[in-house]
């Protein structure tokens, strides 16, 4: 390190750059590489199927809570023994409504068969 020269000169002697903006202007750091795109066959699209009904675990929990609390969603939300995931009253109301819609669909299917 030479104390009589500037910082930039000392950096240049060591192979360093003091200002990165000047590096871009003076020389290229990376070469551009052409990449060939991967060729693939597009098959048939699989339709996305939304889950319409409740899972078995949800059904079990909803049935237990409805048997214990009826339509009192606030009490269901406070019941930590059955409501282990600590769903809110609004979430529980939606789960109960979803379960009831599922029951109605099953009854309609059974009647039509």
N, C-alpha and C. Protein backbone atom coordinates (compact mmCIF):
# COMPACT_ATOMS: atom_id res chain seq x y z
N UNK A 1 0.86 -1.16 0.00
CA UNK A 1 0.00 0.00 0.00
C UNK A 1 0.90 1.22 0.00
N UNK A 2 0.67 2.08 -0.98
CA UNK A 2 1.47 3.29 -1.11
C UNK A 2 0.67 4.45 -0.54
N UNK A 3 1.19 5.07 0.52
CA UNK A 3 0.48 6.17 1.18
C UNK A 3 0.53 7.46 0.37
N UNK A 4 1.41 7.55 -0.62
CA UNK A 4 1.54 8.78 -1.40
C UNK A 4 0.60 8.81 -2.60
N UNK A 5 -0.02 7.66 -2.97
CA UNK A 5 -0.92 7.63 -4.11
C UNK A 5 -2.37 7.63 -3.62
N UNK A 6 -3.26 7.77 -4.56
CA UNK A 6 -4.68 7.82 -4.21
C UNK A 6 -5.22 6.42 -3.93
N UNK A 7 -6.38 6.39 -3.35
CA UNK A 7 -7.05 5.13 -3.04
C UNK A 7 -7.32 4.33 -4.32
N UNK A 8 -7.80 5.01 -5.35
CA UNK A 8 -8.12 4.34 -6.61
C UNK A 8 -6.86 3.72 -7.23
N UNK A 9 -5.74 4.42 -7.17
CA UNK A 9 -4.49 3.90 -7.73
C UNK A 9 -4.03 2.67 -6.94
N UNK A 10 -4.10 2.74 -5.62
CA UNK A 10 -3.71 1.59 -4.81
C UNK A 10 -4.62 0.39 -5.09
N UNK A 11 -5.92 0.62 -5.20
CA UNK A 11 -6.84 -0.47 -5.51
C UNK A 11 -6.52 -1.07 -6.87
N UNK A 12 -6.22 -0.23 -7.86
CA UNK A 12 -5.92 -0.72 -9.20
C UNK A 12 -4.66 -1.58 -9.19
N UNK A 13 -3.66 -1.17 -8.43
CA UNK A 13 -2.43 -1.96 -8.34
C UNK A 13 -2.68 -3.33 -7.72
N UNK A 14 -3.66 -3.42 -6.81
CA UNK A 14 -3.99 -4.69 -6.17
C UNK A 14 -5.00 -5.51 -6.97
N UNK A 15 -5.53 -4.92 -8.04
CA UNK A 15 -6.50 -5.63 -8.86
C UNK A 15 -7.93 -5.43 -8.38
N UNK A 16 -8.14 -4.42 -7.57
CA UNK A 16 -9.48 -4.12 -7.05
C UNK A 16 -10.06 -2.90 -7.75
N UNK A 17 -11.34 -2.71 -7.56
CA UNK A 17 -12.03 -1.57 -8.14
C UNK A 17 -12.63 -0.76 -7.01
N UNK A 18 -12.45 0.55 -7.05
CA UNK A 18 -12.98 1.39 -5.98
C UNK A 18 -14.41 1.82 -6.25
N UNK A 19 -14.83 1.82 -7.51
CA UNK A 19 -16.18 2.25 -7.86
C UNK A 19 -16.75 1.24 -8.86
N UNK A 20 -17.81 0.57 -8.48
CA UNK A 20 -18.38 -0.47 -9.34
C UNK A 20 -18.99 0.09 -10.62
N UNK A 21 -19.42 1.33 -10.58
CA UNK A 21 -20.01 1.92 -11.79
C UNK A 21 -18.97 2.06 -12.89
N UNK A 22 -17.73 2.36 -12.53
CA UNK A 22 -16.69 2.46 -13.55
C UNK A 22 -16.34 1.09 -14.10
N UNK A 23 -16.50 0.05 -13.31
CA UNK A 23 -16.23 -1.30 -13.77
C UNK A 23 -17.15 -1.68 -14.91
N UNK A 24 -18.39 -1.33 -14.80
CA UNK A 24 -19.35 -1.66 -15.85
C UNK A 24 -19.03 -0.93 -17.14
N UNK A 25 -18.53 0.27 -17.02
CA UNK A 25 -18.25 1.07 -18.21
C UNK A 25 -16.96 0.61 -18.90
N UNK A 26 -16.02 0.09 -18.14
CA UNK A 26 -14.72 -0.23 -18.74
C UNK A 26 -14.64 -1.64 -19.28
N UNK A 27 -15.17 -2.63 -18.58
CA UNK A 27 -15.05 -4.00 -19.07
C UNK A 27 -16.28 -4.81 -18.67
N UNK A 28 -16.50 -5.86 -19.44
CA UNK A 28 -17.63 -6.74 -19.17
C UNK A 28 -17.23 -7.77 -18.13
N UNK A 29 -18.12 -8.01 -17.21
CA UNK A 29 -17.86 -9.00 -16.17
C UNK A 29 -18.31 -10.37 -16.63
N UNK A 30 -19.49 -10.45 -17.21
CA UNK A 30 -20.05 -11.74 -17.64
C UNK A 30 -20.35 -11.71 -19.12
N UNK A 31 -20.21 -12.84 -19.75
CA UNK A 31 -20.60 -12.98 -21.14
C UNK A 31 -22.05 -13.44 -21.18
N UNK A 32 -22.76 -12.99 -22.17
CA UNK A 32 -24.14 -13.44 -22.33
C UNK A 32 -24.13 -14.83 -22.94
N UNK A 33 -24.89 -15.70 -22.37
CA UNK A 33 -24.95 -17.08 -22.83
C UNK A 33 -26.35 -17.34 -23.38
N UNK A 34 -26.39 -17.86 -24.58
CA UNK A 34 -27.68 -18.19 -25.18
C UNK A 34 -28.14 -19.54 -24.63
N UNK A 35 -29.35 -19.56 -24.12
CA UNK A 35 -29.91 -20.78 -23.54
C UNK A 35 -31.04 -21.26 -24.43
N UNK A 36 -30.98 -22.51 -24.84
CA UNK A 36 -32.05 -23.08 -25.65
C UNK A 36 -33.22 -23.46 -24.75
N UNK A 37 -34.42 -23.09 -25.14
CA UNK A 37 -35.57 -23.47 -24.32
C UNK A 37 -35.80 -24.98 -24.36
N UNK A 38 -36.32 -25.49 -23.28
CA UNK A 38 -36.62 -26.91 -23.19
C UNK A 38 -37.88 -27.20 -24.00
N UNK A 39 -37.80 -28.19 -24.84
CA UNK A 39 -38.97 -28.56 -25.62
C UNK A 39 -39.72 -29.66 -24.90
N UNK A 40 -41.03 -29.49 -24.80
CA UNK A 40 -41.85 -30.50 -24.16
C UNK A 40 -43.22 -30.53 -24.82
N UNK A 41 -43.87 -31.66 -24.69
CA UNK A 41 -45.20 -31.84 -25.25
C UNK A 41 -46.24 -31.43 -24.22
N UNK A 42 -47.18 -30.65 -24.66
CA UNK A 42 -48.25 -30.25 -23.76
C UNK A 42 -49.36 -31.27 -23.89
N UNK A 43 -49.68 -31.93 -22.78
CA UNK A 43 -50.73 -32.93 -22.80
C UNK A 43 -52.08 -32.31 -22.49
N UNK A 44 -53.02 -33.16 -22.22
CA UNK A 44 -54.34 -32.67 -21.87
C UNK A 44 -54.30 -32.06 -20.48
N UNK A 45 -54.99 -30.97 -20.35
CA UNK A 45 -55.03 -30.30 -19.06
C UNK A 45 -55.96 -31.06 -18.13
N UNK A 46 -55.52 -31.29 -16.94
CA UNK A 46 -56.35 -31.96 -15.94
C UNK A 46 -57.20 -30.90 -15.28
N UNK A 47 -58.51 -31.05 -15.32
CA UNK A 47 -59.35 -30.00 -14.72
C UNK A 47 -59.16 -29.93 -13.21
N UNK A 48 -59.16 -28.72 -12.70
CA UNK A 48 -59.02 -28.51 -11.26
C UNK A 48 -60.35 -28.80 -10.59
N UNK A 49 -60.32 -29.68 -9.62
CA UNK A 49 -61.55 -30.06 -8.95
C UNK A 49 -61.53 -29.50 -7.54
N UNK A 50 -62.45 -28.61 -7.27
CA UNK A 50 -62.55 -28.05 -5.94
C UNK A 50 -63.19 -29.07 -5.02
N UNK A 51 -62.73 -29.09 -3.79
CA UNK A 51 -63.32 -30.00 -2.82
C UNK A 51 -64.66 -29.41 -2.40
N UNK A 52 -65.71 -30.14 -2.68
CA UNK A 52 -67.05 -29.64 -2.41
C UNK A 52 -67.48 -29.98 -0.99
N UNK A 53 -67.17 -31.17 -0.54
CA UNK A 53 -67.62 -31.61 0.77
C UNK A 53 -66.57 -31.41 1.85
N UNK A 54 -66.92 -31.83 3.04
CA UNK A 54 -66.02 -31.74 4.19
C UNK A 54 -65.17 -33.01 4.26
N UNK A 55 -64.02 -32.87 4.88
CA UNK A 55 -63.19 -34.05 5.10
C UNK A 55 -63.77 -34.85 6.27
N UNK A 56 -63.28 -36.07 6.44
CA UNK A 56 -63.81 -36.92 7.51
C UNK A 56 -63.55 -36.32 8.88
N UNK A 57 -62.38 -35.71 9.06
CA UNK A 57 -62.06 -35.08 10.33
C UNK A 57 -62.96 -33.89 10.62
N UNK A 58 -63.24 -33.08 9.59
CA UNK A 58 -64.14 -31.94 9.77
C UNK A 58 -65.54 -32.42 10.12
N UNK A 59 -66.00 -33.46 9.44
CA UNK A 59 -67.35 -33.98 9.71
C UNK A 59 -67.45 -34.45 11.16
N UNK A 60 -66.44 -35.18 11.60
CA UNK A 60 -66.44 -35.69 12.97
C UNK A 60 -66.49 -34.55 13.98
N UNK A 61 -65.67 -33.52 13.79
CA UNK A 61 -65.64 -32.40 14.73
C UNK A 61 -66.93 -31.61 14.68
N UNK A 62 -67.47 -31.38 13.49
CA UNK A 62 -68.70 -30.60 13.36
C UNK A 62 -69.87 -31.34 14.00
N UNK A 63 -69.94 -32.64 13.79
CA UNK A 63 -71.04 -33.42 14.39
C UNK A 63 -70.95 -33.38 15.92
N UNK A 64 -69.74 -33.52 16.46
CA UNK A 64 -69.57 -33.44 17.92
C UNK A 64 -69.98 -32.08 18.46
N UNK A 65 -69.55 -31.02 17.78
CA UNK A 65 -69.87 -29.68 18.27
C UNK A 65 -71.35 -29.36 18.13
N UNK A 66 -71.97 -29.83 17.04
CA UNK A 66 -73.41 -29.59 16.88
C UNK A 66 -74.21 -30.37 17.91
N UNK A 67 -73.76 -31.57 18.26
CA UNK A 67 -74.45 -32.35 19.27
C UNK A 67 -74.32 -31.70 20.64
N UNK A 68 -73.19 -31.09 20.89
CA UNK A 68 -72.93 -30.52 22.20
C UNK A 68 -73.49 -29.10 22.34
N UNK A 69 -73.38 -28.28 21.27
CA UNK A 69 -73.73 -26.86 21.38
C UNK A 69 -74.87 -26.43 20.48
N UNK A 70 -75.35 -27.27 19.60
CA UNK A 70 -76.44 -26.88 18.71
C UNK A 70 -75.95 -25.87 17.68
N UNK A 71 -76.60 -24.71 17.62
CA UNK A 71 -76.25 -23.66 16.67
C UNK A 71 -75.50 -22.52 17.34
N UNK A 72 -75.01 -22.70 18.56
CA UNK A 72 -74.29 -21.66 19.29
C UNK A 72 -72.82 -21.68 18.88
N UNK A 73 -72.49 -20.85 17.88
CA UNK A 73 -71.14 -20.86 17.33
C UNK A 73 -70.11 -20.27 18.28
N UNK A 74 -70.53 -19.32 19.10
CA UNK A 74 -69.61 -18.74 20.09
C UNK A 74 -69.19 -19.80 21.10
N UNK A 75 -70.13 -20.62 21.53
CA UNK A 75 -69.81 -21.71 22.47
C UNK A 75 -68.90 -22.74 21.80
N UNK A 76 -69.14 -23.01 20.51
CA UNK A 76 -68.28 -23.94 19.78
C UNK A 76 -66.85 -23.40 19.72
N UNK A 77 -66.72 -22.11 19.49
CA UNK A 77 -65.40 -21.50 19.38
C UNK A 77 -64.65 -21.57 20.71
N UNK A 78 -65.38 -21.48 21.83
CA UNK A 78 -64.74 -21.53 23.15
C UNK A 78 -64.43 -22.94 23.61
N UNK A 79 -65.04 -23.95 23.00
CA UNK A 79 -64.85 -25.34 23.40
C UNK A 79 -63.52 -25.85 22.85
N UNK A 80 -62.48 -25.85 23.69
CA UNK A 80 -61.14 -26.22 23.21
C UNK A 80 -60.94 -27.73 23.17
N UNK A 81 -61.81 -28.49 23.79
CA UNK A 81 -61.66 -29.95 23.76
C UNK A 81 -62.07 -30.51 22.40
N UNK A 82 -63.14 -30.00 21.82
CA UNK A 82 -63.60 -30.50 20.52
C UNK A 82 -63.02 -29.64 19.40
N UNK A 83 -62.95 -28.33 19.62
CA UNK A 83 -62.42 -27.39 18.63
C UNK A 83 -60.91 -27.26 18.85
N UNK A 84 -60.18 -28.32 18.54
CA UNK A 84 -58.75 -28.35 18.85
C UNK A 84 -57.95 -27.38 17.98
N UNK A 85 -58.44 -27.05 16.80
CA UNK A 85 -57.73 -26.12 15.92
C UNK A 85 -58.08 -24.67 16.23
N UNK A 86 -58.93 -24.45 17.20
CA UNK A 86 -59.34 -23.13 17.68
C UNK A 86 -59.87 -22.26 16.55
N UNK A 87 -60.82 -22.80 15.80
CA UNK A 87 -61.49 -22.03 14.76
C UNK A 87 -62.35 -20.96 15.40
N UNK A 88 -62.53 -19.85 14.69
CA UNK A 88 -63.37 -18.78 15.19
C UNK A 88 -64.84 -19.13 14.97
N UNK A 89 -65.72 -18.31 15.55
CA UNK A 89 -67.16 -18.57 15.40
C UNK A 89 -67.57 -18.48 13.94
N UNK A 90 -67.01 -17.53 13.21
CA UNK A 90 -67.33 -17.39 11.79
C UNK A 90 -66.85 -18.58 10.97
N UNK A 91 -65.66 -19.07 11.27
CA UNK A 91 -65.15 -20.24 10.56
C UNK A 91 -66.01 -21.46 10.85
N UNK A 92 -66.41 -21.61 12.11
CA UNK A 92 -67.25 -22.75 12.48
C UNK A 92 -68.61 -22.67 11.82
N UNK A 93 -69.17 -21.45 11.73
CA UNK A 93 -70.47 -21.29 11.07
C UNK A 93 -70.37 -21.75 9.62
N UNK A 94 -69.28 -21.37 8.93
CA UNK A 94 -69.09 -21.78 7.54
C UNK A 94 -68.92 -23.29 7.43
N UNK A 95 -68.21 -23.90 8.38
CA UNK A 95 -68.02 -25.35 8.35
C UNK A 95 -69.34 -26.08 8.56
N UNK A 96 -70.17 -25.57 9.48
CA UNK A 96 -71.47 -26.19 9.73
C UNK A 96 -72.35 -26.06 8.49
N UNK A 97 -72.36 -24.88 7.87
CA UNK A 97 -73.16 -24.69 6.66
C UNK A 97 -72.67 -25.60 5.54
N UNK A 98 -71.37 -25.75 5.41
CA UNK A 98 -70.81 -26.63 4.39
C UNK A 98 -71.22 -28.08 4.65
N UNK A 99 -71.19 -28.49 5.91
CA UNK A 99 -71.59 -29.85 6.29
C UNK A 99 -73.07 -30.07 5.99
N UNK A 100 -73.90 -29.08 6.29
CA UNK A 100 -75.34 -29.21 6.04
C UNK A 100 -75.62 -29.28 4.54
N UNK A 101 -74.89 -28.50 3.73
CA UNK A 101 -75.06 -28.59 2.27
C UNK A 101 -74.66 -29.97 1.77
N UNK A 102 -73.59 -30.52 2.35
CA UNK A 102 -73.13 -31.85 1.95
C UNK A 102 -74.19 -32.90 2.30
N UNK A 103 -74.81 -32.78 3.47
CA UNK A 103 -75.87 -33.72 3.85
C UNK A 103 -77.05 -33.65 2.89
N UNK A 104 -77.44 -32.42 2.50
CA UNK A 104 -78.56 -32.26 1.57
C UNK A 104 -78.23 -32.89 0.21
N UNK A 105 -77.00 -32.70 -0.27
CA UNK A 105 -76.62 -33.30 -1.55
C UNK A 105 -76.67 -34.83 -1.48
N UNK A 106 -76.22 -35.38 -0.36
CA UNK A 106 -76.25 -36.84 -0.21
C UNK A 106 -77.68 -37.35 -0.16
N UNK A 107 -78.57 -36.62 0.50
CA UNK A 107 -79.97 -37.04 0.57
C UNK A 107 -80.62 -37.00 -0.81
N UNK A 108 -80.31 -35.97 -1.59
CA UNK A 108 -80.87 -35.86 -2.94
C UNK A 108 -80.38 -37.00 -3.81
N UNK A 109 -79.08 -37.34 -3.70
CA UNK A 109 -78.53 -38.47 -4.47
C UNK A 109 -79.20 -39.78 -4.08
N UNK A 110 -79.40 -39.98 -2.79
CA UNK A 110 -80.01 -41.23 -2.33
C UNK A 110 -81.45 -41.34 -2.78
N UNK A 111 -82.17 -40.22 -2.81
CA UNK A 111 -83.58 -40.22 -3.24
C UNK A 111 -83.67 -40.47 -4.74
N UNK A 112 -82.71 -39.95 -5.51
CA UNK A 112 -82.77 -40.11 -6.96
C UNK A 112 -82.35 -41.52 -7.39
N UNK A 113 -81.60 -42.23 -6.56
CA UNK A 113 -81.16 -43.58 -6.91
C UNK A 113 -82.21 -44.59 -6.67
